Amino acid sequence: MAVTSIHGPIISCGDLAAQQSLFEAVYGLRTVAEENLTGDSVAALWGLSEHTAQTVVLETPGTGFGIRLIQFDPPSDIVIRHKSSGYNSDALKVIDFYAPDFYAAKDHLESKGYHLKDEVAEYELENGKFLEGHLWGPDSVVTAIVSGPKDFFRNFATTTEKLFSEVHSISAPISDLDAVLSFYDTVLGLGIIHEYGIDHESFADLVGTQHKMKLRAKNVGIVRTEPYFGLIHYGLPETAYESLRDRAVMPNRGLVGATVLVDNAAEVSRNAESHGAEVLSTLAEVSLAPYGKALSFTVRGPHGVVHHVIEVS
């Protein structure tokens, strides 16, 4: 197994402080690193030219999982995803947090000045009843609070006794499941750890489509209790959604990618080259907080998702 940890999502921000405030005040993450990056560093890390950047890394206390925020300079005017078409494919959409008590989590969120969409999904899976609500935050980044049987989530999150868990999944609607599964298997050595389906009409209301939805999901990662990638197909007609792949690139704003820690970045880089994956920045020695010196390269999946691959020295 090349991947040692899926650290969590990467968000390209129009207002870094607004994102930082949301994740600290609502979801309980704490800042563990802040850094200003030169143009040369940004080019080496993510393959962008003529940009500098500010970065903040937040993590859920007691875990090694979190979120990297990046504010590029000059900024982009393009936001990857829009609320009116949240069902569009080939870009990350949702950062999921488990909430043991849905209504306590909702009240806490509202006490901080944030509001879920009016539509809340209630659906039954083989494990029991689930509740899910979505918050559309800055840069149209969607965070979800998901509640369900506590015994179930003890096998799907590391932190299960607080108001919110750590990031327990990063989900992307996709158009070509086979291509995406092949990428994760061949390049990163990740396989399917869980599968499920949702047919309930309340989920279609939550997503915002008028079409009948038949959601099918395959979760890809290392183990169920650590952050993983949720690969979703809504079961909509091909004419009902568009691909965001061309928009889902840095420095465009929104939920653009994920940080993936590996034990051998050179091997993963060779895997990416052999697979014909889209490499945005080649393998290089870099300095990046909070890791210090590291080997790094950035590769993009067929579903538009940017993966920043890091081997800590």
C-alpha atoms as a PDB file:
ATOM      1  CA  MET A   1       0.000   0.000   0.000  1.00  0.00           C
ATOM      2  CA  ALA A   2       1.601   3.252  -1.175  1.00  0.00           C
ATOM      3  CA  VAL A   3      -0.828   5.578   0.608  1.00  0.00           C
ATOM      4  CA  THR A   4      -0.317   5.915   4.356  1.00  0.00           C
ATOM      5  CA  SER A   5      -3.001   8.570   4.940  1.00  0.00           C
ATOM      6  CA  ILE A   6      -5.615  10.602   3.090  1.00  0.00           C
ATOM      7  CA  HIS A   7      -5.087  13.781   5.090  1.00  0.00           C
ATOM      8  CA  GLY A   8      -8.157  15.538   3.751  1.00  0.00           C
ATOM      9  CA  PRO A   9      -9.473  18.056   1.224  1.00  0.00           C
ATOM     10  CA  ILE A  10      -7.770  21.040  -0.381  1.00  0.00           C
ATOM     11  CA  ILE A  11      -9.846  24.206  -0.810  1.00  0.00           C
ATOM     12  CA  SER A  12      -8.830  27.059  -3.107  1.00  0.00           C
ATOM     13  CA  CYS A  13     -10.148  30.172  -1.361  1.00  0.00           C
ATOM     14  CA  GLY A  14     -11.288  33.619  -2.365  1.00  0.00           C
ATOM     15  CA  ASP A  15     -11.238  34.602   1.322  1.00  0.00           C
ATOM     16  CA  LEU A  16      -8.980  32.357   3.372  1.00  0.00           C
ATOM     17  CA  ALA A  17     -10.108  33.847   6.686  1.00  0.00           C
ATOM     18  CA  ALA A  18     -13.775  33.090   5.920  1.00  0.00           C
ATOM     19  CA  GLN A  19     -13.018  29.424   5.298  1.00  0.00           C
ATOM     20  CA  GLN A  20     -10.773  29.226   8.354  1.00  0.00           C
ATOM     21  CA  SER A  21     -13.504  30.721  10.532  1.00  0.00           C
ATOM     22  CA  LEU A  22     -16.100  28.214   9.307  1.00  0.00           C
ATOM     23  CA  PHE A  23     -14.010  25.126   9.986  1.00  0.00           C
ATOM     24  CA  GLU A  24     -12.754  26.337  13.347  1.00  0.00           C
ATOM     25  CA  ALA A  25     -15.978  27.819  14.717  1.00  0.00           C
ATOM     26  CA  VAL A  26     -18.398  25.177  13.447  1.00  0.00           C
ATOM     27  CA  TYR A  27     -16.522  21.924  12.937  1.00  0.00           C
ATOM     28  CA  GLY A  28     -13.923  22.292  15.665  1.00  0.00           C
ATOM     29  CA  LEU A  29     -10.756  22.030  13.580  1.00  0.00           C
ATOM     30  CA  ARG A  30      -7.653  23.865  14.793  1.00  0.00           C
ATOM     31  CA  THR A  31      -4.931  25.601  12.794  1.00  0.00           C
ATOM     32  CA  VAL A  32      -1.678  23.640  12.877  1.00  0.00           C
ATOM     33  CA  ALA A  33       0.332  25.492  10.197  1.00  0.00           C
ATOM     34  CA  GLU A  34       0.360  28.748   8.261  1.00  0.00           C
ATOM     35  CA  GLU A  35       2.742  29.664   5.464  1.00  0.00           C
ATOM     36  CA  ASN A  36       3.355  32.148   2.653  1.00  0.00           C
ATOM     37  CA  LEU A  37       4.601  30.511  -0.535  1.00  0.00           C
ATOM     38  CA  THR A  38       6.704  32.074  -3.273  1.00  0.00           C
ATOM     39  CA  GLY A  39       5.986  31.694  -6.952  1.00  0.00           C
ATOM     40  CA  ASP A  40       8.722  29.068  -7.262  1.00  0.00           C
ATOM     41  CA  SER A  41       7.203  27.064  -4.401  1.00  0.00           C
ATOM     42  CA  VAL A  42       3.702  27.218  -5.888  1.00  0.00           C
ATOM     43  CA  ALA A  43       5.062  26.040  -9.248  1.00  0.00           C
ATOM     44  CA  ALA A  44       6.924  23.130  -7.640  1.00  0.00           C
ATOM     45  CA  LEU A  45       3.961  22.102  -5.491  1.00  0.00           C
ATOM     46  CA  TRP A  46       1.003  22.425  -7.837  1.00  0.00           C
ATOM     47  CA  GLY A  47       2.344  23.318 -11.278  1.00  0.00           C
ATOM     48  CA  LEU A  48       1.014  26.873 -11.390  1.00  0.00           C
ATOM     49  CA  SER A  49       3.093  29.685 -12.837  1.00  0.00           C
ATOM     50  CA  GLU A  50       2.961  33.361 -11.844  1.00  0.00           C
ATOM     51  CA  HIS A  51       1.148  32.797  -8.561  1.00  0.00           C
ATOM     52  CA  THR A  52       2.108  33.144  -4.935  1.00  0.00           C
ATOM     53  CA  ALA A  53      -0.068  31.747  -2.167  1.00  0.00           C
ATOM     54  CA  GLN A  54      -1.021  31.797   1.494  1.00  0.00           C
ATOM     55  CA  THR A  55      -1.814  28.432   3.057  1.00  0.00           C
ATOM     56  CA  VAL A  56      -3.417  27.306   6.295  1.00  0.00           C
ATOM     57  CA  VAL A  57      -3.623  23.701   7.490  1.00  0.00           C
ATOM     58  CA  LEU A  58      -6.332  22.777   9.988  1.00  0.00           C
ATOM     59  CA  GLU A  59      -6.771  19.446  11.742  1.00  0.00           C
ATOM     60  CA  THR A  60      -9.288  17.861  14.077  1.00  0.00           C
ATOM     61  CA  PRO A  61      -7.605  17.626  17.509  1.00  0.00           C
ATOM     62  CA  GLY A  62      -6.454  14.135  18.349  1.00  0.00           C
ATOM     63  CA  THR A  63      -6.270  13.061  14.705  1.00  0.00           C
ATOM     64  CA  GLY A  64      -3.865  13.558  11.823  1.00  0.00           C
ATOM     65  CA  PHE A  65      -6.719  14.494   9.474  1.00  0.00           C
ATOM     66  CA  GLY A  66      -7.792  17.912   8.294  1.00  0.00           C
ATOM     67  CA  ILE A  67      -8.038  20.476   5.530  1.00  0.00           C
ATOM     68  CA  ARG A  68      -5.566  22.602   3.574  1.00  0.00           C
ATOM     69  CA  LEU A  69      -6.754  26.086   2.584  1.00  0.00           C
ATOM     70  CA  ILE A  70      -4.937  27.932  -0.208  1.00  0.00           C
ATOM     71  CA  GLN A  71      -5.459  31.536  -1.255  1.00  0.00           C
ATOM     72  CA  PHE A  72      -3.689  32.213  -4.538  1.00  0.00           C
ATOM     73  CA  ASP A  73      -2.435  35.605  -5.665  1.00  0.00           C
ATOM     74  CA  PRO A  74      -3.601  36.668  -8.177  1.00  0.00           C
ATOM     75  CA  PRO A  75      -6.962  35.095  -7.324  1.00  0.00           C
ATOM     76  CA  SER A  76      -9.327  33.465  -9.795  1.00  0.00           C
ATOM     77  CA  ASP A  77     -12.805  34.820 -10.519  1.00  0.00           C
ATOM     78  CA  ILE A  78     -14.032  31.325 -11.375  1.00  0.00           C
ATOM     79  CA  VAL A  79     -15.924  29.278  -8.777  1.00  0.00           C
ATOM     80  CA  ILE A  80     -15.879  25.573  -9.637  1.00  0.00           C
ATOM     81  CA  ARG A  81     -19.378  24.573  -8.481  1.00  0.00           C
ATOM     82  CA  HIS A  82     -22.679  26.442  -8.272  1.00  0.00           C
ATOM     83  CA  LYS A  83     -25.610  25.832  -5.939  1.00  0.00           C
ATOM     84  CA  SER A  84     -28.129  25.835  -8.785  1.00  0.00           C
ATOM     85  CA  SER A  85     -26.485  22.748 -10.299  1.00  0.00           C
ATOM     86  CA  GLY A  86     -24.973  20.902  -7.363  1.00  0.00           C
ATOM     87  CA  TYR A  87     -25.464  17.579  -9.149  1.00  0.00           C
ATOM     88  CA  ASN A  88     -22.891  18.315 -11.898  1.00  0.00           C
ATOM     89  CA  SER A  89     -20.108  15.745 -12.162  1.00  0.00           C
ATOM     90  CA  ASP A  90     -16.312  15.435 -12.294  1.00  0.00           C
ATOM     91  CA  ALA A  91     -15.301  17.678  -9.414  1.00  0.00           C
ATOM     92  CA  LEU A  92     -15.324  17.217  -5.679  1.00  0.00           C
ATOM     93  CA  LYS A  93     -18.525  18.424  -4.050  1.00  0.00           C
ATOM     94  CA  VAL A  94     -18.974  17.538  -0.377  1.00  0.00           C
ATOM     95  CA  ILE A  95     -16.850  17.330   2.776  1.00  0.00           C
ATOM     96  CA  ASP A  96     -18.730  14.970   5.105  1.00  0.00           C
ATOM     97  CA  PHE A  97     -18.721  15.186   8.898  1.00  0.00           C
ATOM     98  CA  TYR A  98     -20.459  12.679  11.148  1.00  0.00           C
ATOM     99  CA  ALA A  99     -22.671  14.264  13.811  1.00  0.00           C
ATOM    100  CA  PRO A 100     -23.958  11.904  16.555  1.00  0.00           C
ATOM    101  CA  ASP A 101     -26.842  14.300  17.269  1.00  0.00           C
ATOM    102  CA  PHE A 102     -28.066  15.916  14.048  1.00  0.00           C
ATOM    103  CA  TYR A 103     -30.215  18.570  15.688  1.00  0.00           C
ATOM    104  CA  ALA A 104     -27.591  19.571  18.256  1.00  0.00           C
ATOM    105  CA  ALA A 105     -25.110  19.949  15.393  1.00  0.00           C
ATOM    106  CA  LYS A 106     -27.624  22.012  13.414  1.00  0.00           C
ATOM    107  CA  ASP A 107     -28.279  24.281  16.407  1.00  0.00           C
ATOM    108  CA  HIS A 108     -24.548  24.781  16.940  1.00  0.00           C
ATOM    109  CA  LEU A 109     -24.045  25.638  13.292  1.00  0.00           C
ATOM    110  CA  GLU A 110     -26.865  28.196  13.405  1.00  0.00           C
ATOM    111  CA  SER A 111     -25.509  29.722  16.627  1.00  0.00           C
ATOM    112  CA  LYS A 112     -22.355  30.554  14.649  1.00  0.00           C
ATOM    113  CA  GLY A 113     -24.334  32.311  11.916  1.00  0.00           C
ATOM    114  CA  TYR A 114     -24.507  29.499   9.333  1.00  0.00           C
ATOM    115  CA  HIS A 115     -27.541  27.715   7.928  1.00  0.00           C
ATOM    116  CA  LEU A 116     -28.180  24.375   6.268  1.00  0.00           C
ATOM    117  CA  LYS A 117     -30.233  24.151   3.120  1.00  0.00           C
ATOM    118  CA  ASP A 118     -33.925  23.898   3.997  1.00  0.00           C
ATOM    119  CA  GLU A 119     -34.078  20.439   2.464  1.00  0.00           C
ATOM    120  CA  VAL A 120     -32.839  17.700   4.808  1.00  0.00           C
ATOM    121  CA  ALA A 121     -32.572  14.156   3.485  1.00  0.00           C
ATOM    122  CA  GLU A 122     -33.984  11.271   5.534  1.00  0.00           C
ATOM    123  CA  TYR A 123     -33.230   7.858   4.115  1.00  0.00           C
ATOM    124  CA  GLU A 124     -33.022   4.233   5.152  1.00  0.00           C
ATOM    125  CA  LEU A 125     -30.020   2.029   4.465  1.00  0.00           C
ATOM    126  CA  GLU A 126     -29.559  -1.569   5.538  1.00  0.00           C
ATOM    127  CA  ASN A 127     -27.878  -0.266   8.706  1.00  0.00           C
ATOM    128  CA  GLY A 128     -30.767   1.999   9.752  1.00  0.00           C
ATOM    129  CA  LYS A 129     -32.089   5.546   9.348  1.00  0.00           C
ATOM    130  CA  PHE A 130     -29.848   8.453   8.334  1.00  0.00           C
ATOM    131  CA  LEU A 131     -30.249  12.239   8.313  1.00  0.00           C
ATOM    132  CA  GLU A 132     -28.141  14.489   6.071  1.00  0.00           C
ATOM    133  CA  GLY A 133     -28.032  18.268   5.712  1.00  0.00           C
ATOM    134  CA  HIS A 134     -25.834  20.456   3.502  1.00  0.00           C
ATOM    135  CA  LEU A 135     -24.217  23.816   4.175  1.00  0.00           C
ATOM    136  CA  TRP A 136     -23.112  25.798   1.130  1.00  0.00           C
ATOM    137  CA  GLY A 137     -20.215  27.857   2.468  1.00  0.00           C
ATOM    138  CA  PRO A 138     -17.705  30.316   1.010  1.00  0.00           C
ATOM    139  CA  ASP A 139     -16.506  29.532  -2.530  1.00  0.00           C
ATOM    140  CA  SER A 140     -19.512  27.175  -2.890  1.00  0.00           C
ATOM    141  CA  VAL A 141     -17.802  24.522  -0.802  1.00  0.00           C
ATOM    142  CA  VAL A 142     -20.414  22.103   0.510  1.00  0.00           C
ATOM    143  CA  THR A 143     -20.065  20.572   3.952  1.00  0.00           C
ATOM    144  CA  ALA A 144     -22.483  17.892   5.106  1.00  0.00           C
ATOM    145  CA  ILE A 145     -23.563  16.794   8.539  1.00  0.00           C
ATOM    146  CA  VAL A 146     -24.573  13.153   8.493  1.00  0.00           C
ATOM    147  CA  SER A 147     -26.218  11.334  11.384  1.00  0.00           C
ATOM    148  CA  GLY A 148     -27.185   7.734  11.757  1.00  0.00           C
ATOM    149  CA  PRO A 149     -26.823   4.665  13.964  1.00  0.00           C
ATOM    150  CA  LYS A 150     -23.970   5.206  16.416  1.00  0.00           C
ATOM    151  CA  ASP A 151     -22.803   1.606  16.155  1.00  0.00           C
ATOM    152  CA  PHE A 152     -22.504   2.062  12.388  1.00  0.00           C
ATOM    153  CA  PHE A 153     -20.411   5.230  12.615  1.00  0.00           C
ATOM    154  CA  ARG A 154     -18.016   3.700  15.133  1.00  0.00           C
ATOM    155  CA  ASN A 155     -16.767   1.819  12.077  1.00  0.00           C
ATOM    156  CA  PHE A 156     -16.757   4.911   9.844  1.00  0.00           C
ATOM    157  CA  ALA A 157     -15.046   7.665  11.846  1.00  0.00           C
ATOM    158  CA  THR A 158     -12.182   8.096  14.284  1.00  0.00           C
ATOM    159  CA  THR A 159     -13.890  10.766  16.415  1.00  0.00           C
ATOM    160  CA  THR A 160     -17.429   9.658  17.295  1.00  0.00           C
ATOM    161  CA  GLU A 161     -18.216  11.177  20.696  1.00  0.00           C
ATOM    162  CA  LYS A 162     -17.908  14.908  19.923  1.00  0.00           C
ATOM    163  CA  LEU A 163     -20.364  17.219  18.199  1.00  0.00           C
ATOM    164  CA  PHE A 164     -18.610  16.526  14.877  1.00  0.00           C
ATOM    165  CA  SER A 165     -16.155  13.916  13.681  1.00  0.00           C
ATOM    166  CA  GLU A 166     -13.076  14.654  11.666  1.00  0.00           C
ATOM    167  CA  VAL A 167     -13.564  14.787   7.892  1.00  0.00           C
ATOM    168  CA  HIS A 168     -14.818  11.278   7.266  1.00  0.00           C
ATOM    169  CA  SER A 169     -15.206  11.479   3.493  1.00  0.00           C
ATOM    170  CA  ILE A 170     -14.691  13.717   0.478  1.00  0.00           C
ATOM    171  CA  SER A 171     -17.312  13.028  -2.165  1.00  0.00           C
ATOM    172  CA  ALA A 172     -17.371  13.607  -5.915  1.00  0.00           C
ATOM    173  CA  PRO A 173     -20.150  12.984  -8.423  1.00  0.00           C
ATOM    174  CA  ILE A 174     -18.481  11.220 -11.346  1.00  0.00           C
ATOM    175  CA  SER A 175     -19.404  10.293 -14.898  1.00  0.00           C
ATOM    176  CA  ASP A 176     -16.997   7.385 -15.576  1.00  0.00           C
ATOM    177  CA  LEU A 177     -16.712   5.071 -12.574  1.00  0.00           C
ATOM    178  CA  ASP A 178     -14.458   2.480 -14.215  1.00  0.00           C
ATOM    179  CA  ALA A 179     -11.838   5.069 -15.197  1.00  0.00           C
ATOM    180  CA  VAL A 180     -11.792   6.556 -11.711  1.00  0.00           C
ATOM    181  CA  LEU A 181     -11.527   3.187  -9.956  1.00  0.00           C
ATOM    182  CA  SER A 182      -8.660   2.243 -12.282  1.00  0.00           C
ATOM    183  CA  PHE A 183      -6.843   5.492 -11.426  1.00  0.00           C
ATOM    184  CA  TYR A 184      -7.115   4.938  -7.671  1.00  0.00           C
ATOM    185  CA  ASP A 185      -6.094   1.293  -7.933  1.00  0.00           C
ATOM    186  CA  THR A 186      -3.172   1.706 -10.343  1.00  0.00           C
ATOM    187  CA  VAL A 187      -1.751   5.051  -9.249  1.00  0.00           C
ATOM    188  CA  LEU A 188      -2.465   5.185  -5.501  1.00  0.00           C
ATOM    189  CA  GLY A 189      -3.151   1.556  -4.627  1.00  0.00           C
ATOM    190  CA  LEU A 190      -6.578   2.381  -3.163  1.00  0.00           C
ATOM    191  CA  GLY A 191      -9.579   0.098  -3.413  1.00  0.00           C
ATOM    192  CA  ILE A 192     -13.265  -0.013  -2.549  1.00  0.00           C
ATOM    193  CA  ILE A 193     -13.907  -0.176   1.200  1.00  0.00           C
ATOM    194  CA  HIS A 194     -17.702   0.299   1.217  1.00  0.00           C
ATOM    195  CA  GLU A 195     -20.663   0.576  -1.158  1.00  0.00           C
ATOM    196  CA  TYR A 196     -24.226   1.819  -0.735  1.00  0.00           C
ATOM    197  CA  GLY A 197     -27.230   3.193  -2.599  1.00  0.00           C
ATOM    198  CA  ILE A 198     -29.909   5.820  -1.878  1.00  0.00           C
ATOM    199  CA  ASP A 199     -33.198   5.992  -3.772  1.00  0.00           C
ATOM    200  CA  HIS A 200     -35.217   8.226  -1.436  1.00  0.00           C
ATOM    201  CA  GLU A 201     -36.782  11.320  -3.030  1.00  0.00           C
ATOM    202  CA  SER A 202     -35.668  13.536  -0.125  1.00  0.00           C
ATOM    203  CA  PHE A 203     -32.069  13.094  -1.305  1.00  0.00           C
ATOM    204  CA  ALA A 204     -33.017  14.381  -4.760  1.00  0.00           C
ATOM    205  CA  ASP A 205     -34.502  17.438  -3.042  1.00  0.00           C
ATOM    206  CA  LEU A 206     -31.290  17.918  -1.044  1.00  0.00           C
ATOM    207  CA  VAL A 207     -29.156  17.708  -4.192  1.00  0.00           C
ATOM    208  CA  GLY A 208     -31.543  20.007  -6.052  1.00  0.00           C
ATOM    209  CA  THR A 209     -32.587  17.987  -9.079  1.00  0.00           C
ATOM    210  CA  GLN A 210     -36.115  17.533 -10.400  1.00  0.00           C
ATOM    211  CA  HIS A 211     -35.175  14.175 -11.918  1.00  0.00           C
ATOM    212  CA  LYS A 212     -35.737  10.862 -10.207  1.00  0.00           C
ATOM    213  CA  MET A 213     -32.497   9.948  -8.491  1.00  0.00           C
ATOM    214  CA  LYS A 214     -30.960   6.539  -7.960  1.00  0.00           C
ATOM    215  CA  LEU A 215     -27.693   7.278  -6.155  1.00  0.00           C
ATOM    216  CA  ARG A 216     -24.975   4.641  -6.122  1.00  0.00           C
ATOM    217  CA  ALA A 217     -21.717   5.180  -4.257  1.00  0.00           C
ATOM    218  CA  LYS A 218     -18.402   3.409  -3.906  1.00  0.00           C
ATOM    219  CA  ASN A 219     -16.053   4.600  -1.167  1.00  0.00           C
ATOM    220  CA  VAL A 220     -12.343   4.289  -1.947  1.00  0.00           C
ATOM    221  CA  GLY A 221      -9.629   4.517   0.685  1.00  0.00           C
ATOM    222  CA  ILE A 222      -7.423   2.646   3.149  1.00  0.00           C
ATOM    223  CA  VAL A 223      -9.833   1.812   5.979  1.00  0.00           C
ATOM    224  CA  ARG A 224     -13.383   2.911   6.795  1.00  0.00           C
ATOM    225  CA  THR A 225     -12.457   4.788   9.974  1.00  0.00           C
ATOM    226  CA  GLU A 226     -10.147   7.243   8.156  1.00  0.00           C
ATOM    227  CA  PRO A 227     -10.996   9.828   5.480  1.00  0.00           C
ATOM    228  CA  TYR A 228     -11.816   8.301   2.107  1.00  0.00           C
ATOM    229  CA  PHE A 229     -13.053   9.330  -1.337  1.00  0.00           C
ATOM    230  CA  GLY A 230     -16.763   8.899  -2.010  1.00  0.00           C
ATOM    231  CA  LEU A 231     -17.400   8.209  -5.692  1.00  0.00           C
ATOM    232  CA  ILE A 232     -21.018   8.992  -6.487  1.00  0.00           C
ATOM    233  CA  HIS A 233     -23.247   8.524  -9.491  1.00  0.00           C
ATOM    234  CA  TYR A 234     -26.677  10.065  -9.039  1.00  0.00           C
ATOM    235  CA  GLY A 235     -28.289   7.815 -11.659  1.00  0.00           C
ATOM    236  CA  LEU A 236     -29.475  10.858 -13.602  1.00  0.00           C
ATOM    237  CA  PRO A 237     -29.869  10.915 -17.393  1.00  0.00           C
ATOM    238  CA  GLU A 238     -26.685  12.067 -19.136  1.00  0.00           C
ATOM    239  CA  THR A 239     -28.542  15.125 -20.422  1.00  0.00           C
ATOM    240  CA  ALA A 240     -29.415  16.189 -16.850  1.00  0.00           C
ATOM    241  CA  TYR A 241     -25.919  17.166 -15.722  1.00  0.00           C
ATOM    242  CA  GLU A 242     -22.667  18.624 -17.006  1.00  0.00           C
ATOM    243  CA  SER A 243     -19.009  17.841 -16.371  1.00  0.00           C
ATOM    244  CA  LEU A 244     -17.061  20.388 -14.300  1.00  0.00           C
ATOM    245  CA  ARG A 245     -13.706  18.827 -15.134  1.00  0.00           C
ATOM    246  CA  ASP A 246     -12.444  21.828 -17.100  1.00  0.00           C
ATOM    247  CA  ARG A 247     -13.288  24.140 -14.166  1.00  0.00           C
ATOM    248  CA  ALA A 248     -11.945  21.923 -11.373  1.00  0.00           C
ATOM    249  CA  VAL A 249      -8.367  23.204 -11.490  1.00  0.00           C
ATOM    250  CA  MET A 250      -6.236  25.510  -9.364  1.00  0.00           C
ATOM    251  CA  PRO A 251      -6.406  28.461  -8.895  1.00  0.00           C
ATOM    252  CA  ASN A 252     -10.185  28.288  -9.493  1.00  0.00           C
ATOM    253  CA  ARG A 253     -12.063  28.534  -6.219  1.00  0.00           C
ATOM    254  CA  GLY A 254     -13.729  25.735  -4.357  1.00  0.00           C
ATOM    255  CA  LEU A 255     -13.165  22.167  -3.279  1.00  0.00           C
ATOM    256  CA  VAL A 256     -10.403  21.304  -5.724  1.00  0.00           C
ATOM    257  CA  GLY A 257      -8.472  18.338  -4.378  1.00  0.00           C
ATOM    258  CA  ALA A 258      -6.963  16.347  -1.533  1.00  0.00           C
ATOM    259  CA  THR A 259      -3.658  15.831   0.247  1.00  0.00           C
ATOM    260  CA  VAL A 260      -2.445  12.235   0.121  1.00  0.00           C
ATOM    261  CA  LEU A 261       0.517  11.051   2.209  1.00  0.00           C
ATOM    262  CA  VAL A 262       2.555   8.147   0.858  1.00  0.00           C
ATOM    263  CA  ASP A 263       5.589   6.114   1.857  1.00  0.00           C
ATOM    264  CA  ASN A 264       7.223   6.243  -1.589  1.00  0.00           C
ATOM    265  CA  ALA A 265       6.387   9.252  -3.756  1.00  0.00           C
ATOM    266  CA  ALA A 266       8.784   8.151  -6.513  1.00  0.00           C
ATOM    267  CA  GLU A 267       6.887   4.877  -6.892  1.00  0.00           C
ATOM    268  CA  VAL A 268       3.528   6.661  -7.033  1.00  0.00           C
ATOM    269  CA  SER A 269       4.947   9.093  -9.595  1.00  0.00           C
ATOM    270  CA  ARG A 270       6.038   6.154 -11.760  1.00  0.00           C
ATOM    271  CA  ASN A 271       2.576   4.632 -11.380  1.00  0.00           C
ATOM    272  CA  ALA A 272       1.005   7.884 -12.569  1.00  0.00           C
ATOM    273  CA  GLU A 273       3.306   8.081 -15.578  1.00  0.00           C
ATOM    274  CA  SER A 274       2.679   4.449 -16.553  1.00  0.00           C
ATOM    275  CA  HIS A 275      -1.062   4.947 -16.177  1.00  0.00           C
ATOM    276  CA  GLY A 276      -1.020   8.052 -18.375  1.00  0.00           C
ATOM    277  CA  ALA A 277      -2.488  10.209 -15.613  1.00  0.00           C
ATOM    278  CA  GLU A 278      -2.414  13.998 -15.866  1.00  0.00           C
ATOM    279  CA  VAL A 279       0.634  15.132 -13.874  1.00  0.00           C
ATOM    280  CA  LEU A 280       0.423  18.800 -12.893  1.00  0.00           C
ATOM    281  CA  SER A 281       3.788  19.043 -11.117  1.00  0.00           C
ATOM    282  CA  THR A 282       6.586  16.497 -11.316  1.00  0.00           C
ATOM    283  CA  LEU A 283       8.384  14.937  -8.375  1.00  0.00           C
ATOM    284  CA  ALA A 284      10.435  17.527  -6.471  1.00  0.00           C
ATOM    285  CA  GLU A 285      11.911  18.134  -3.054  1.00  0.00           C
ATOM    286  CA  VAL A 286       9.916  20.890  -1.388  1.00  0.00           C
ATOM    287  CA  SER A 287       9.428  22.570   1.949  1.00  0.00           C
ATOM    288  CA  LEU A 288       5.824  22.731   3.100  1.00  0.00           C
ATOM    289  CA  ALA A 289       4.300  23.339   6.521  1.00  0.00           C
ATOM    290  CA  PRO A 290       3.610  21.400   8.659  1.00  0.00           C
ATOM    291  CA  TYR A 291       5.758  18.681   7.078  1.00  0.00           C
ATOM    292  CA  GLY A 292       9.048  20.491   6.505  1.00  0.00           C
ATOM    293  CA  LYS A 293      11.177  18.925   3.780  1.00  0.00           C
ATOM    294  CA  ALA A 294       9.222  16.469   1.670  1.00  0.00           C
ATOM    295  CA  LEU A 295       8.996  14.859  -1.739  1.00  0.00           C
ATOM    296  CA  SER A 296       5.956  16.078  -3.619  1.00  0.00           C
ATOM    297  CA  PHE A 297       4.116  15.822  -6.899  1.00  0.00           C
ATOM    298  CA  THR A 298       0.572  16.581  -8.031  1.00  0.00           C
ATOM    299  CA  VAL A 299      -1.604  14.369 -10.214  1.00  0.00           C
ATOM    300  CA  ARG A 300      -5.166  14.790 -11.439  1.00  0.00           C
ATOM    301  CA  GLY A 301      -7.685  11.994 -11.711  1.00  0.00           C
ATOM    302  CA  PRO A 302     -10.040  11.406 -14.647  1.00  0.00           C
ATOM    303  CA  HIS A 303     -12.847  12.861 -12.503  1.00  0.00           C
ATOM    304  CA  GLY A 304     -11.073  16.228 -12.239  1.00  0.00           C
ATOM    305  CA  VAL A 305      -9.791  15.788  -8.687  1.00  0.00           C
ATOM    306  CA  VAL A 306      -6.327  17.158  -7.863  1.00  0.00           C
ATOM    307  CA  HIS A 307      -4.237  14.862  -5.639  1.00  0.00           C
ATOM    308  CA  HIS A 308      -1.225  16.419  -3.927  1.00  0.00           C
ATOM    309  CA  VAL A 309       1.028  13.465  -3.139  1.00  0.00           C
ATOM    310  CA  ILE A 310       3.543  13.977  -0.316  1.00  0.00           C
ATOM    311  CA  GLU A 311       6.260  11.780   1.142  1.00  0.00           C
ATOM    312  CA  VAL A 312       7.437  13.238   4.442  1.00  0.00           C
ATOM    313  CA  SER A 313      11.211  13.024   4.919  1.00  0.00           C
END
